[in-house]
């Protein structure tokens, strides 16, 4: 009897994506590796997304069309899909992105022997302007490497976030049994960083991580008012400090973290603080009390004691200014960053790392 269970389950949450979802689905249907199911999860879209998905589902029996009982966000939609997956390995795709025709074939080559608990690969970050035209593209890659002990896996998690390629879902192949057996769910209270939080909990069970130099995912970053990535978020600072704390807590103790990894974690901290202050300043919100709270936090106390290794001149300047008490100099740099981010977003994207 033919095995009816697909090798891959692909989850694609859909919400008000009528302009993009057809291209996203077609990029899946055109895969050279064909043993998959595609779960389209409409999260009670207010546009014609569900109708588009219905027409797409008629074209191919591998598509399962689901609809959430009520709009709950991407995290809730993914949790809803977990009840319906049948594949051995799991992949997430966003409804406004596309994948290369050989992505599943490459993924299969890494997991067919059933040894990898997780595969991470790279992507093309593609920036679209307000008119929907692609204005800038950047290739983000990993080095081909296998990590099979807890220390090196934790160190690599931090290195990937520097790119950043750790927190994302869509550049990852997951073992479905880990998710289902451990009862892992997305925290649907998060509107951003729910993917990072999920990955941190999933990686507790990863014993063999395969990093691939392959880049087969096209990640669209759209500069419009509907994108979460371009909205001011009141919880931005707290959620990003959560990242720092979770990285630190993933190690047995702070003392057990090697100097390079500690430098990497607190370079992330530096970037997050600058970004949080810049967002408030760009929104014309008062920042003096906010900066004071940052400087009196436990993480900033640790930050002051870090001996950074392997950093660039740009990093040294940003770290030195943040550590100093020269608020005018710090705010001057913040406003400079804000100007580039707002008026030259594609230059900012190229320089931000």
C-alpha atoms as a PDB file:
ATOM      1  CA  UNK A   1       0.000   0.000   0.000  1.00  0.00           C
ATOM      2  CA  UNK A   2       1.306   3.451  -0.870  1.00  0.00           C
ATOM      3  CA  UNK A   3       2.386   5.489   2.123  1.00  0.00           C
ATOM      4  CA  UNK A   4      -0.043   8.385   2.470  1.00  0.00           C
ATOM      5  CA  UNK A   5       2.007  10.315   5.005  1.00  0.00           C
ATOM      6  CA  UNK A   6       4.113  13.061   3.397  1.00  0.00           C
ATOM      7  CA  UNK A   7       7.758  13.535   4.295  1.00  0.00           C
ATOM      8  CA  UNK A   8       7.416  17.304   4.785  1.00  0.00           C
ATOM      9  CA  UNK A   9       4.611  19.339   6.282  1.00  0.00           C
ATOM     10  CA  UNK A  10       4.694  22.996   5.269  1.00  0.00           C
ATOM     11  CA  UNK A  11       2.745  25.517   7.342  1.00  0.00           C
ATOM     12  CA  UNK A  12       1.801  28.852   5.788  1.00  0.00           C
ATOM     13  CA  UNK A  13      -0.289  31.257   7.915  1.00  0.00           C
ATOM     14  CA  UNK A  14      -2.333  33.636   5.759  1.00  0.00           C
ATOM     15  CA  UNK A  15      -3.760  36.976   6.833  1.00  0.00           C
ATOM     16  CA  UNK A  16      -4.768  39.714   4.382  1.00  0.00           C
ATOM     17  CA  UNK A  17      -2.204  38.471   1.889  1.00  0.00           C
ATOM     18  CA  UNK A  18      -4.348  38.504  -1.271  1.00  0.00           C
ATOM     19  CA  UNK A  19      -1.577  40.256  -3.233  1.00  0.00           C
ATOM     20  CA  UNK A  20       1.133  37.746  -2.381  1.00  0.00           C
ATOM     21  CA  UNK A  21      -0.219  34.351  -1.343  1.00  0.00           C
ATOM     22  CA  UNK A  22      -0.640  32.931  -4.848  1.00  0.00           C
ATOM     23  CA  UNK A  23       3.040  33.473  -5.673  1.00  0.00           C
ATOM     24  CA  UNK A  24       4.040  31.972  -2.325  1.00  0.00           C
ATOM     25  CA  UNK A  25       1.914  28.870  -2.888  1.00  0.00           C
ATOM     26  CA  UNK A  26       3.054  28.471  -6.500  1.00  0.00           C
ATOM     27  CA  UNK A  27       6.689  28.492  -5.363  1.00  0.00           C
ATOM     28  CA  UNK A  28       5.816  25.491  -3.157  1.00  0.00           C
ATOM     29  CA  UNK A  29       3.877  23.634  -5.836  1.00  0.00           C
ATOM     30  CA  UNK A  30       6.807  24.032  -8.241  1.00  0.00           C
ATOM     31  CA  UNK A  31       9.207  22.168  -5.955  1.00  0.00           C
ATOM     32  CA  UNK A  32      11.336  19.470  -7.585  1.00  0.00           C
ATOM     33  CA  UNK A  33      10.823  17.328  -4.455  1.00  0.00           C
ATOM     34  CA  UNK A  34       7.122  16.500  -4.361  1.00  0.00           C
ATOM     35  CA  UNK A  35       6.452  14.489  -1.173  1.00  0.00           C
ATOM     36  CA  UNK A  36       4.901  17.202   0.960  1.00  0.00           C
ATOM     37  CA  UNK A  37       1.658  18.632   2.282  1.00  0.00           C
ATOM     38  CA  UNK A  38       0.989  22.354   2.377  1.00  0.00           C
ATOM     39  CA  UNK A  39      -1.221  23.604   5.194  1.00  0.00           C
ATOM     40  CA  UNK A  40      -2.689  27.001   4.359  1.00  0.00           C
ATOM     41  CA  UNK A  41      -4.079  28.517   7.557  1.00  0.00           C
ATOM     42  CA  UNK A  42      -6.300  31.513   6.909  1.00  0.00           C
ATOM     43  CA  UNK A  43      -6.487  33.582  10.076  1.00  0.00           C
ATOM     44  CA  UNK A  44      -9.909  35.099   9.322  1.00  0.00           C
ATOM     45  CA  UNK A  45      -8.585  37.457   6.654  1.00  0.00           C
ATOM     46  CA  UNK A  46     -10.581  40.601   5.986  1.00  0.00           C
ATOM     47  CA  UNK A  47      -9.645  40.656   2.297  1.00  0.00           C
ATOM     48  CA  UNK A  48     -10.073  37.982  -0.397  1.00  0.00           C
ATOM     49  CA  UNK A  49      -7.192  35.796   0.833  1.00  0.00           C
ATOM     50  CA  UNK A  50      -9.460  32.899   1.784  1.00  0.00           C
ATOM     51  CA  UNK A  51     -11.118  32.864  -1.646  1.00  0.00           C
ATOM     52  CA  UNK A  52      -7.692  32.889  -3.300  1.00  0.00           C
ATOM     53  CA  UNK A  53      -6.631  29.974  -1.095  1.00  0.00           C
ATOM     54  CA  UNK A  54      -9.798  28.057  -1.979  1.00  0.00           C
ATOM     55  CA  UNK A  55      -8.991  28.328  -5.675  1.00  0.00           C
ATOM     56  CA  UNK A  56      -5.411  27.262  -5.059  1.00  0.00           C
ATOM     57  CA  UNK A  57      -6.518  24.252  -2.997  1.00  0.00           C
ATOM     58  CA  UNK A  58      -8.628  23.042  -5.938  1.00  0.00           C
ATOM     59  CA  UNK A  59      -5.485  22.821  -8.057  1.00  0.00           C
ATOM     60  CA  UNK A  60      -3.507  20.394  -5.926  1.00  0.00           C
ATOM     61  CA  UNK A  61      -4.500  17.663  -3.494  1.00  0.00           C
ATOM     62  CA  UNK A  62      -1.397  18.299  -1.385  1.00  0.00           C
ATOM     63  CA  UNK A  63      -2.914  21.575  -0.173  1.00  0.00           C
ATOM     64  CA  UNK A  64      -4.943  21.463   3.041  1.00  0.00           C
ATOM     65  CA  UNK A  65      -6.953  24.633   3.589  1.00  0.00           C
ATOM     66  CA  UNK A  66      -7.680  25.462   7.224  1.00  0.00           C
ATOM     67  CA  UNK A  67      -9.344  28.458   8.837  1.00  0.00           C
ATOM     68  CA  UNK A  68      -8.946  29.572  12.434  1.00  0.00           C
ATOM     69  CA  UNK A  69     -12.126  30.114  14.501  1.00  0.00           C
ATOM     70  CA  UNK A  70     -11.113  33.735  15.072  1.00  0.00           C
ATOM     71  CA  UNK A  71      -8.244  36.033  14.216  1.00  0.00           C
ATOM     72  CA  UNK A  72      -5.443  35.368  16.672  1.00  0.00           C
ATOM     73  CA  UNK A  73      -2.232  36.224  14.851  1.00  0.00           C
ATOM     74  CA  UNK A  74       0.434  34.122  13.152  1.00  0.00           C
ATOM     75  CA  UNK A  75       1.447  32.313  16.355  1.00  0.00           C
ATOM     76  CA  UNK A  76      -2.110  31.097  17.016  1.00  0.00           C
ATOM     77  CA  UNK A  77      -2.505  30.102  13.351  1.00  0.00           C
ATOM     78  CA  UNK A  78       0.641  27.963  13.504  1.00  0.00           C
ATOM     79  CA  UNK A  79      -0.538  26.326  16.737  1.00  0.00           C
ATOM     80  CA  UNK A  80      -3.839  25.541  15.020  1.00  0.00           C
ATOM     81  CA  UNK A  81      -1.961  23.884  12.153  1.00  0.00           C
ATOM     82  CA  UNK A  82      -0.012  21.626  14.554  1.00  0.00           C
ATOM     83  CA  UNK A  83      -3.222  19.655  15.073  1.00  0.00           C
ATOM     84  CA  UNK A  84      -3.249  18.672  11.407  1.00  0.00           C
ATOM     85  CA  UNK A  85       0.361  17.969  10.369  1.00  0.00           C
ATOM     86  CA  UNK A  86       1.285  14.482   9.172  1.00  0.00           C
ATOM     87  CA  UNK A  87       4.840  14.959   7.911  1.00  0.00           C
ATOM     88  CA  UNK A  88       8.081  13.767   9.444  1.00  0.00           C
ATOM     89  CA  UNK A  89       9.776  17.162   9.166  1.00  0.00           C
ATOM     90  CA  UNK A  90       8.211  20.581   9.379  1.00  0.00           C
ATOM     91  CA  UNK A  91       8.831  23.808   7.453  1.00  0.00           C
ATOM     92  CA  UNK A  92       7.304  27.276   7.850  1.00  0.00           C
ATOM     93  CA  UNK A  93       6.800  29.710   4.984  1.00  0.00           C
ATOM     94  CA  UNK A  94       5.341  33.216   5.166  1.00  0.00           C
ATOM     95  CA  UNK A  95       2.514  34.039   2.782  1.00  0.00           C
ATOM     96  CA  UNK A  96       4.335  36.982   1.184  1.00  0.00           C
ATOM     97  CA  UNK A  97       7.626  35.156   0.562  1.00  0.00           C
ATOM     98  CA  UNK A  98       8.768  32.641  -2.042  1.00  0.00           C
ATOM     99  CA  UNK A  99      11.193  29.723  -2.095  1.00  0.00           C
ATOM    100  CA  UNK A 100      13.600  28.366  -4.691  1.00  0.00           C
ATOM    101  CA  UNK A 101      12.346  25.302  -6.668  1.00  0.00           C
ATOM    102  CA  UNK A 102      14.984  23.027  -5.101  1.00  0.00           C
ATOM    103  CA  UNK A 103      14.557  24.046  -1.443  1.00  0.00           C
ATOM    104  CA  UNK A 104      12.742  20.857  -0.422  1.00  0.00           C
ATOM    105  CA  UNK A 105      15.156  18.726  -2.429  1.00  0.00           C
ATOM    106  CA  UNK A 106      18.103  20.268  -0.593  1.00  0.00           C
ATOM    107  CA  UNK A 107      16.295  19.937   2.739  1.00  0.00           C
ATOM    108  CA  UNK A 108      15.618  16.259   2.047  1.00  0.00           C
ATOM    109  CA  UNK A 109      19.297  15.621   1.324  1.00  0.00           C
ATOM    110  CA  UNK A 110      20.116  16.762   4.877  1.00  0.00           C
ATOM    111  CA  UNK A 111      17.382  14.938   6.797  1.00  0.00           C
ATOM    112  CA  UNK A 112      16.754  11.744   4.820  1.00  0.00           C
ATOM    113  CA  UNK A 113      19.077   9.747   7.109  1.00  0.00           C
ATOM    114  CA  UNK A 114      16.989  10.845  10.147  1.00  0.00           C
ATOM    115  CA  UNK A 115      20.022  12.149  12.059  1.00  0.00           C
ATOM    116  CA  UNK A 116      19.514  15.914  12.035  1.00  0.00           C
ATOM    117  CA  UNK A 117      17.093  17.354  14.586  1.00  0.00           C
ATOM    118  CA  UNK A 118      17.336  20.739  12.908  1.00  0.00           C
ATOM    119  CA  UNK A 119      18.688  22.235   9.686  1.00  0.00           C
ATOM    120  CA  UNK A 120      19.395  25.961   9.358  1.00  0.00           C
ATOM    121  CA  UNK A 121      20.108  27.640   6.022  1.00  0.00           C
ATOM    122  CA  UNK A 122      20.384  31.152   4.627  1.00  0.00           C
ATOM    123  CA  UNK A 123      18.152  33.506   2.697  1.00  0.00           C
ATOM    124  CA  UNK A 124      17.895  36.462   0.381  1.00  0.00           C
ATOM    125  CA  UNK A 125      16.612  39.523   2.234  1.00  0.00           C
ATOM    126  CA  UNK A 126      14.659  41.489  -0.348  1.00  0.00           C
ATOM    127  CA  UNK A 127      13.582  45.038   0.459  1.00  0.00           C
ATOM    128  CA  UNK A 128      10.524  46.424  -1.315  1.00  0.00           C
ATOM    129  CA  UNK A 129       9.671  50.111  -1.401  1.00  0.00           C
ATOM    130  CA  UNK A 130       6.226  51.633  -0.843  1.00  0.00           C
ATOM    131  CA  UNK A 131       5.375  51.058  -4.524  1.00  0.00           C
ATOM    132  CA  UNK A 132       6.028  47.332  -4.171  1.00  0.00           C
ATOM    133  CA  UNK A 133       9.215  47.439  -6.227  1.00  0.00           C
ATOM    134  CA  UNK A 134      12.282  45.485  -5.125  1.00  0.00           C
ATOM    135  CA  UNK A 135      14.871  48.128  -4.279  1.00  0.00           C
ATOM    136  CA  UNK A 136      17.609  46.139  -2.585  1.00  0.00           C
ATOM    137  CA  UNK A 137      18.600  42.515  -2.034  1.00  0.00           C
ATOM    138  CA  UNK A 138      21.096  40.993   0.361  1.00  0.00           C
ATOM    139  CA  UNK A 139      22.285  37.388   0.610  1.00  0.00           C
ATOM    140  CA  UNK A 140      22.613  36.061   4.186  1.00  0.00           C
ATOM    141  CA  UNK A 141      24.501  32.784   4.462  1.00  0.00           C
ATOM    142  CA  UNK A 142      25.764  30.276   6.990  1.00  0.00           C
ATOM    143  CA  UNK A 143      28.900  28.155   6.884  1.00  0.00           C
ATOM    144  CA  UNK A 144      28.412  24.461   6.119  1.00  0.00           C
ATOM    145  CA  UNK A 145      28.910  22.737   9.466  1.00  0.00           C
ATOM    146  CA  UNK A 146      27.458  20.079  11.786  1.00  0.00           C
ATOM    147  CA  UNK A 147      27.172  20.766  15.528  1.00  0.00           C
ATOM    148  CA  UNK A 148      26.509  17.803  17.774  1.00  0.00           C
ATOM    149  CA  UNK A 149      27.257  18.801  21.354  1.00  0.00           C
ATOM    150  CA  UNK A 150      25.394  21.224  23.582  1.00  0.00           C
ATOM    151  CA  UNK A 151      28.198  23.782  23.991  1.00  0.00           C
ATOM    152  CA  UNK A 152      28.907  24.228  20.292  1.00  0.00           C
ATOM    153  CA  UNK A 153      25.178  24.295  19.481  1.00  0.00           C
ATOM    154  CA  UNK A 154      24.582  27.100  22.016  1.00  0.00           C
ATOM    155  CA  UNK A 155      27.550  29.064  20.672  1.00  0.00           C
ATOM    156  CA  UNK A 156      26.276  28.670  17.122  1.00  0.00           C
ATOM    157  CA  UNK A 157      22.793  29.823  18.129  1.00  0.00           C
ATOM    158  CA  UNK A 158      24.287  33.162  19.176  1.00  0.00           C
ATOM    159  CA  UNK A 159      26.453  33.427  16.056  1.00  0.00           C
ATOM    160  CA  UNK A 160      23.411  32.831  13.866  1.00  0.00           C
ATOM    161  CA  UNK A 161      21.460  35.592  15.620  1.00  0.00           C
ATOM    162  CA  UNK A 162      24.204  38.069  14.727  1.00  0.00           C
ATOM    163  CA  UNK A 163      23.391  37.628  11.013  1.00  0.00           C
ATOM    164  CA  UNK A 164      20.435  37.297  12.046  1.00  0.00           C
ATOM    165  CA  UNK A 165      19.383  33.774  11.080  1.00  0.00           C
ATOM    166  CA  UNK A 166      18.660  32.039  14.382  1.00  0.00           C
ATOM    167  CA  UNK A 167      15.303  33.446  15.440  1.00  0.00           C
ATOM    168  CA  UNK A 168      13.556  33.020  12.111  1.00  0.00           C
ATOM    169  CA  UNK A 169      11.282  30.042  11.453  1.00  0.00           C
ATOM    170  CA  UNK A 170      11.344  29.943   7.684  1.00  0.00           C
ATOM    171  CA  UNK A 171      15.060  29.098   7.289  1.00  0.00           C
ATOM    172  CA  UNK A 172      14.670  26.036   9.492  1.00  0.00           C
ATOM    173  CA  UNK A 173      13.786  22.364   9.085  1.00  0.00           C
ATOM    174  CA  UNK A 174      12.232  20.969  12.282  1.00  0.00           C
ATOM    175  CA  UNK A 175      11.716  17.383  13.386  1.00  0.00           C
ATOM    176  CA  UNK A 176       7.940  17.198  13.789  1.00  0.00           C
ATOM    177  CA  UNK A 177       8.080  14.551  16.528  1.00  0.00           C
ATOM    178  CA  UNK A 178      10.025  16.897  18.838  1.00  0.00           C
ATOM    179  CA  UNK A 179       7.351  19.582  18.475  1.00  0.00           C
ATOM    180  CA  UNK A 180       4.454  17.181  18.941  1.00  0.00           C
ATOM    181  CA  UNK A 181       5.937  14.923  21.626  1.00  0.00           C
ATOM    182  CA  UNK A 182       7.187  17.820  23.733  1.00  0.00           C
ATOM    183  CA  UNK A 183       3.964  19.780  23.258  1.00  0.00           C
ATOM    184  CA  UNK A 184       5.775  22.836  21.926  1.00  0.00           C
ATOM    185  CA  UNK A 185       3.502  25.725  20.988  1.00  0.00           C
ATOM    186  CA  UNK A 186       4.019  29.325  19.989  1.00  0.00           C
ATOM    187  CA  UNK A 187       3.305  31.942  22.624  1.00  0.00           C
ATOM    188  CA  UNK A 188       0.333  33.669  20.994  1.00  0.00           C
ATOM    189  CA  UNK A 189       0.710  36.651  23.340  1.00  0.00           C
ATOM    190  CA  UNK A 190       3.737  37.740  21.330  1.00  0.00           C
ATOM    191  CA  UNK A 191       3.142  39.713  18.149  1.00  0.00           C
ATOM    192  CA  UNK A 192       6.869  39.860  17.451  1.00  0.00           C
ATOM    193  CA  UNK A 193       9.710  37.553  18.551  1.00  0.00           C
ATOM    194  CA  UNK A 194       7.355  34.585  18.967  1.00  0.00           C
ATOM    195  CA  UNK A 195       9.590  32.776  16.471  1.00  0.00           C
ATOM    196  CA  UNK A 196      12.719  33.426  18.559  1.00  0.00           C
ATOM    197  CA  UNK A 197      10.965  32.255  21.712  1.00  0.00           C
ATOM    198  CA  UNK A 198       9.800  29.079  19.956  1.00  0.00           C
ATOM    199  CA  UNK A 199      13.291  28.345  18.621  1.00  0.00           C
ATOM    200  CA  UNK A 200      14.878  28.760  22.050  1.00  0.00           C
ATOM    201  CA  UNK A 201      12.508  26.148  23.465  1.00  0.00           C
ATOM    202  CA  UNK A 202      12.893  23.828  20.470  1.00  0.00           C
ATOM    203  CA  UNK A 203      16.699  23.972  20.606  1.00  0.00           C
ATOM    204  CA  UNK A 204      16.675  22.520  24.120  1.00  0.00           C
ATOM    205  CA  UNK A 205      15.987  19.204  22.400  1.00  0.00           C
ATOM    206  CA  UNK A 206      18.369  19.573  19.446  1.00  0.00           C
ATOM    207  CA  UNK A 207      21.237  17.110  19.675  1.00  0.00           C
ATOM    208  CA  UNK A 208      22.410  17.451  16.092  1.00  0.00           C
ATOM    209  CA  UNK A 209      22.280  20.762  14.221  1.00  0.00           C
ATOM    210  CA  UNK A 210      23.119  20.958  10.529  1.00  0.00           C
ATOM    211  CA  UNK A 211      23.980  24.418   9.209  1.00  0.00           C
ATOM    212  CA  UNK A 212      23.863  24.728   5.439  1.00  0.00           C
ATOM    213  CA  UNK A 213      25.491  27.250   3.110  1.00  0.00           C
ATOM    214  CA  UNK A 214      22.432  26.936   0.842  1.00  0.00           C
ATOM    215  CA  UNK A 215      20.230  30.025   0.438  1.00  0.00           C
ATOM    216  CA  UNK A 216      16.837  29.121  -0.979  1.00  0.00           C
ATOM    217  CA  UNK A 217      14.379  31.407   0.771  1.00  0.00           C
ATOM    218  CA  UNK A 218      13.389  34.877  -0.429  1.00  0.00           C
ATOM    219  CA  UNK A 219      12.399  36.920   2.611  1.00  0.00           C
ATOM    220  CA  UNK A 220      10.412  40.035   1.712  1.00  0.00           C
ATOM    221  CA  UNK A 221      10.805  43.120   3.887  1.00  0.00           C
ATOM    222  CA  UNK A 222       8.153  45.584   2.819  1.00  0.00           C
ATOM    223  CA  UNK A 223       8.507  49.235   3.745  1.00  0.00           C
ATOM    224  CA  UNK A 224       4.861  50.006   4.382  1.00  0.00           C
ATOM    225  CA  UNK A 225       2.605  50.674   7.322  1.00  0.00           C
ATOM    226  CA  UNK A 226       1.338  47.104   7.466  1.00  0.00           C
ATOM    227  CA  UNK A 227       4.679  45.527   8.230  1.00  0.00           C
ATOM    228  CA  UNK A 228       5.359  44.656  11.865  1.00  0.00           C
ATOM    229  CA  UNK A 229       9.055  45.155  11.168  1.00  0.00           C
ATOM    230  CA  UNK A 230       8.512  48.856  10.433  1.00  0.00           C
ATOM    231  CA  UNK A 231       6.015  49.639  13.196  1.00  0.00           C
ATOM    232  CA  UNK A 232       6.958  51.237  16.469  1.00  0.00           C
ATOM    233  CA  UNK A 233       6.388  48.608  19.147  1.00  0.00           C
ATOM    234  CA  UNK A 234       6.104  49.628  22.796  1.00  0.00           C
ATOM    235  CA  UNK A 235       7.408  46.222  23.812  1.00  0.00           C
ATOM    236  CA  UNK A 236      10.416  46.296  21.485  1.00  0.00           C
ATOM    237  CA  UNK A 237      12.992  46.870  24.230  1.00  0.00           C
ATOM    238  CA  UNK A 238      11.544  44.320  26.667  1.00  0.00           C
ATOM    239  CA  UNK A 239      11.214  41.653  23.988  1.00  0.00           C
ATOM    240  CA  UNK A 240      14.787  42.134  22.822  1.00  0.00           C
ATOM    241  CA  UNK A 241      16.152  42.088  26.346  1.00  0.00           C
ATOM    242  CA  UNK A 242      14.281  38.794  26.636  1.00  0.00           C
ATOM    243  CA  UNK A 243      16.520  37.529  23.827  1.00  0.00           C
ATOM    244  CA  UNK A 244      19.656  38.493  25.732  1.00  0.00           C
ATOM    245  CA  UNK A 245      18.443  36.905  28.956  1.00  0.00           C
ATOM    246  CA  UNK A 246      17.401  33.701  27.199  1.00  0.00           C
ATOM    247  CA  UNK A 247      20.787  33.372  25.530  1.00  0.00           C
ATOM    248  CA  UNK A 248      22.547  33.870  28.871  1.00  0.00           C
ATOM    249  CA  UNK A 249      20.222  31.428  30.629  1.00  0.00           C
ATOM    250  CA  UNK A 250      20.720  28.769  27.964  1.00  0.00           C
ATOM    251  CA  UNK A 251      24.238  28.187  29.327  1.00  0.00           C
ATOM    252  CA  UNK A 252      24.863  26.363  32.628  1.00  0.00           C
ATOM    253  CA  UNK A 253      26.188  29.629  34.119  1.00  0.00           C
ATOM    254  CA  UNK A 254      27.538  33.003  32.995  1.00  0.00           C
ATOM    255  CA  UNK A 255      31.001  31.824  34.032  1.00  0.00           C
ATOM    256  CA  UNK A 256      30.745  28.915  31.587  1.00  0.00           C
ATOM    257  CA  UNK A 257      30.290  31.209  28.574  1.00  0.00           C
ATOM    258  CA  UNK A 258      33.461  31.656  26.543  1.00  0.00           C
ATOM    259  CA  UNK A 259      34.770  35.173  25.860  1.00  0.00           C
ATOM    260  CA  UNK A 260      33.831  35.243  22.170  1.00  0.00           C
ATOM    261  CA  UNK A 261      30.264  34.110  22.789  1.00  0.00           C
ATOM    262  CA  UNK A 262      29.863  36.635  25.617  1.00  0.00           C
ATOM    263  CA  UNK A 263      31.138  39.333  23.254  1.00  0.00           C
ATOM    264  CA  UNK A 264      28.639  38.207  20.624  1.00  0.00           C
ATOM    265  CA  UNK A 265      25.727  38.266  23.081  1.00  0.00           C
ATOM    266  CA  UNK A 266      26.540  41.755  24.299  1.00  0.00           C
ATOM    267  CA  UNK A 267      27.160  43.092  20.810  1.00  0.00           C
ATOM    268  CA  UNK A 268      23.571  42.015  20.179  1.00  0.00           C
ATOM    269  CA  UNK A 269      22.658  43.881  23.376  1.00  0.00           C
ATOM    270  CA  UNK A 270      24.398  46.997  22.038  1.00  0.00           C
ATOM    271  CA  UNK A 271      22.480  46.858  18.774  1.00  0.00           C
ATOM    272  CA  UNK A 272      19.158  46.289  20.537  1.00  0.00           C
ATOM    273  CA  UNK A 273      19.639  49.254  22.898  1.00  0.00           C
ATOM    274  CA  UNK A 274      20.554  51.613  20.072  1.00  0.00           C
ATOM    275  CA  UNK A 275      17.579  50.387  18.063  1.00  0.00           C
ATOM    276  CA  UNK A 276      15.155  50.749  20.992  1.00  0.00           C
ATOM    277  CA  UNK A 277      16.251  54.320  21.732  1.00  0.00           C
ATOM    278  CA  UNK A 278      16.274  55.203  18.025  1.00  0.00           C
ATOM    279  CA  UNK A 279      12.684  53.985  17.614  1.00  0.00           C
ATOM    280  CA  UNK A 280      11.482  56.127  20.502  1.00  0.00           C
ATOM    281  CA  UNK A 281      13.399  59.162  19.277  1.00  0.00           C
ATOM    282  CA  UNK A 282      12.025  58.734  15.749  1.00  0.00           C
ATOM    283  CA  UNK A 283       8.531  58.646  17.271  1.00  0.00           C
ATOM    284  CA  UNK A 284       9.231  61.885  19.153  1.00  0.00           C
ATOM    285  CA  UNK A 285       8.884  60.100  22.488  1.00  0.00           C
ATOM    286  CA  UNK A 286      10.920  61.267  25.519  1.00  0.00           C
ATOM    287  CA  UNK A 287      14.060  59.160  25.890  1.00  0.00           C
ATOM    288  CA  UNK A 288      15.917  60.587  28.914  1.00  0.00           C
ATOM    289  CA  UNK A 289      14.064  58.493  31.516  1.00  0.00           C
ATOM    290  CA  UNK A 290      14.214  55.472  29.212  1.00  0.00           C
ATOM    291  CA  UNK A 291      18.006  55.750  28.878  1.00  0.00           C
ATOM    292  CA  UNK A 292      18.322  56.190  32.648  1.00  0.00           C
ATOM    293  CA  UNK A 293      16.344  52.992  33.243  1.00  0.00           C
ATOM    294  CA  UNK A 294      18.575  51.132  30.779  1.00  0.00           C
ATOM    295  CA  UNK A 295      21.724  52.307  32.563  1.00  0.00           C
ATOM    296  CA  UNK A 296      20.335  51.148  35.937  1.00  0.00           C
ATOM    297  CA  UNK A 297      19.352  47.699  34.708  1.00  0.00           C
ATOM    298  CA  UNK A 298      21.083  44.454  35.698  1.00  0.00           C
ATOM    299  CA  UNK A 299      21.983  43.713  32.079  1.00  0.00           C
ATOM    300  CA  UNK A 300      23.735  47.070  31.720  1.00  0.00           C
ATOM    301  CA  UNK A 301      25.758  46.325  34.868  1.00  0.00           C
ATOM    302  CA  UNK A 302      26.939  43.091  33.265  1.00  0.00           C
ATOM    303  CA  UNK A 303      27.517  44.947  29.983  1.00  0.00           C
ATOM    304  CA  UNK A 304      29.897  47.372  31.673  1.00  0.00           C
ATOM    305  CA  UNK A 305      32.109  44.470  32.805  1.00  0.00           C
ATOM    306  CA  UNK A 306      32.366  42.664  29.453  1.00  0.00           C
ATOM    307  CA  UNK A 307      35.782  42.435  27.837  1.00  0.00           C
ATOM    308  CA  UNK A 308      34.949  42.453  24.146  1.00  0.00           C
ATOM    309  CA  UNK A 309      37.079  40.417  21.759  1.00  0.00           C
ATOM    310  CA  UNK A 310      37.165  40.248  17.972  1.00  0.00           C
ATOM    311  CA  UNK A 311      35.199  43.444  17.338  1.00  0.00           C
ATOM    312  CA  UNK A 312      35.491  46.053  14.589  1.00  0.00           C
ATOM    313  CA  UNK A 313      36.247  49.775  14.872  1.00  0.00           C
ATOM    314  CA  UNK A 314      32.544  50.547  14.346  1.00  0.00           C
ATOM    315  CA  UNK A 315      31.591  48.221  17.173  1.00  0.00           C
ATOM    316  CA  UNK A 316      34.216  49.705  19.501  1.00  0.00           C
ATOM    317  CA  UNK A 317      32.855  53.214  18.908  1.00  0.00           C
ATOM    318  CA  UNK A 318      29.228  52.235  19.511  1.00  0.00           C
ATOM    319  CA  UNK A 319      30.104  50.238  22.647  1.00  0.00           C
ATOM    320  CA  UNK A 320      32.324  53.001  24.058  1.00  0.00           C
ATOM    321  CA  UNK A 321      29.664  55.676  23.525  1.00  0.00           C
ATOM    322  CA  UNK A 322      26.916  53.566  25.084  1.00  0.00           C
ATOM    323  CA  UNK A 323      29.083  52.754  28.093  1.00  0.00           C
ATOM    324  CA  UNK A 324      30.046  56.397  28.627  1.00  0.00           C
ATOM    325  CA  UNK A 325      27.988  59.048  30.423  1.00  0.00           C
ATOM    326  CA  UNK A 326      28.139  61.465  27.490  1.00  0.00           C
ATOM    327  CA  UNK A 327      24.423  61.543  26.754  1.00  0.00           C
ATOM    328  CA  UNK A 328      24.758  64.227  24.072  1.00  0.00           C
ATOM    329  CA  UNK A 329      27.240  62.105  22.146  1.00  0.00           C
ATOM    330  CA  UNK A 330      25.059  59.011  22.526  1.00  0.00           C
ATOM    331  CA  UNK A 331      21.906  60.804  21.400  1.00  0.00           C
ATOM    332  CA  UNK A 332      23.788  62.400  18.520  1.00  0.00           C
ATOM    333  CA  UNK A 333      24.752  58.960  17.240  1.00  0.00           C
ATOM    334  CA  UNK A 334      21.196  57.699  17.798  1.00  0.00           C
ATOM    335  CA  UNK A 335      19.767  60.552  15.730  1.00  0.00           C
ATOM    336  CA  UNK A 336      22.331  59.873  13.008  1.00  0.00           C
ATOM    337  CA  UNK A 337      21.279  56.225  12.907  1.00  0.00           C
ATOM    338  CA  UNK A 338      17.640  57.286  12.841  1.00  0.00           C
ATOM    339  CA  UNK A 339      18.215  59.630   9.903  1.00  0.00           C
ATOM    340  CA  UNK A 340      19.867  56.886   7.831  1.00  0.00           C
ATOM    341  CA  UNK A 341      17.214  54.342   8.798  1.00  0.00           C
ATOM    342  CA  UNK A 342      14.317  56.622   7.811  1.00  0.00           C
ATOM    343  CA  UNK A 343      15.732  58.395   4.766  1.00  0.00           C
ATOM    344  CA  UNK A 344      18.128  55.747   3.397  1.00  0.00           C
ATOM    345  CA  UNK A 345      16.597  52.431   4.537  1.00  0.00           C
ATOM    346  CA  UNK A 346      18.473  50.314   2.020  1.00  0.00           C
ATOM    347  CA  UNK A 347      21.831  51.809   2.988  1.00  0.00           C
ATOM    348  CA  UNK A 348      20.863  51.175   6.629  1.00  0.00           C
ATOM    349  CA  UNK A 349      20.078  47.536   5.780  1.00  0.00           C
ATOM    350  CA  UNK A 350      23.495  47.128   4.180  1.00  0.00           C
ATOM    351  CA  UNK A 351      25.387  48.725   7.087  1.00  0.00           C
ATOM    352  CA  UNK A 352      23.469  47.674  10.193  1.00  0.00           C
ATOM    353  CA  UNK A 353      25.575  44.604  11.009  1.00  0.00           C
END
